[in-house]
C-alpha cells in the first residue's frame, strides 16, 4: 500500500514537470526554429567578412611548397592610399585641385564658426557634429571630383565611382519621375508604355554592356549610318576618357531608370485625387500642384529609392568591364573593377583592402543619408 501511495504522489509531479517543459518549449519555439537560419546566415556573412579582413592585412605569395600567406598589417592600405596605387585610386589633383581643397576647407571652417543654431534639448553631436561631418563629406566629394576636371590632372577609381553614383542616381531619379508622371496621366497607350519602360530591368547587366558595346561601335555597329551622318564615323568612344565614361553612364541610366519608374509610379497611386482636383478648381497651376501636393507624397518613397540606388551604384562593375575594359587606361574603372583587376593578378591583399575601403565609404554615405534625409522625408523631424 505504501508503494502505491508513493507512485500516486510521484505521477502528478512528473506530469507537472512535463507540462512545464512543454510550455517552455512552446515559448521558445520561435527561437528554436529561427536559430538554424540565423546560424547559417551568420556563417555565410561573418566567415567571408573575417576572411577578407585577414586577407586585406596579409600578402599572398606563391612558393615551392604552395601558397604562403604572411601578415603585413596595414601595408596594403598604405599601398592604396599612399603608395604605388595612390594615383590609380585617388587620382592626381594637380595644383588647381590643391588650391580648391584649401579654399574649400577655409569656407567650411567659416561655415562651422557661423553655425549658431543651437536647439534646446538636442545633444552637441546633433547640432554641430553632424553638420560638420556632412560638410566635410560633401567637400571631400566635390574636391575629389572637381579638382580632376582640369588639364594635367587624373581621375582615380574613387572619383570615377563617385561620378557614376552621384550623376547616375540623379539622372535615374529625374527620368524615372518624368516617366512616372507621364504614365500616371490618363493618356491613350499608357499601359503599353508601362510595360515597355520596365523591359531594360529584365536584361542582365552583362547583356546591357554587350548591347551598348555594339551600339557605340562607330565602325561596324548597327548605328554606323547615324554616326556617319553626325560626322562621328571615325570617332571611338574608348579612346576618349569622358566619352567612355558617358557611354558607361548612359548604359547604367538606361538599365536602372525603370526601377525608379516603378517605385515612383506606385507612389503616385497613393496621391489623393480629391486634393489635386480641389487645387485645380482653385486655380493652382500644374507646377504648384506638383510642388505642394504631389511631391510631398513622393518624398518617403523617393528617399528610400535614392538610398537603394546609392548603395547599388557603388558596386557597378559589369558595364565598365565589358563595355570599355576599364579604359582608356583606367578612365572608366570603378573601385569594384579596380579590386577585380587586382584579384585577377593575384594581388589578393590589395583587392581585399579596396573592398574594405569601398565598404567604409558606402557605410559612411548611407549612414549620413539615413540620419539626415530619411527622417526629414518621412516627416519625423
Foldseek 3Di string as FASTA:
>chain_A
DVVVVVVVVVVVVVVVVVVVVVVVCVVCVVVVVCVVVVVVVCCVPVVVVVVLVQLLQWFWDQDPVGIDIGGNGNPLVCCCCPNDNNCQAQWFLPPVLVVLLVVLVVVLVVVLVPQDPDDPPDDPCVRRVLVSVVSVVVSVLCSSAVSQPDPPITRHQANLLSCLQPVLLVLLLVVLLVLLVVLVDPDPPSVVVLVVLQVLQVDDLLVLQVVLLLVQPCADHPCVVVCVVVVNNPPHQQVDLVSVSVSLSVSSSSNCSSVSNVLQNVLQVPQDVVVVVVCVVVPDDPVRCCVPGVVLSCLLSSLVSSLVSSLVSLQDDNNCCRNRVCGPVNSNRHLLNVLVVCVVVVRSNNSSSSVVVSVVVSVVVSVSSCVPRNCVSVVND
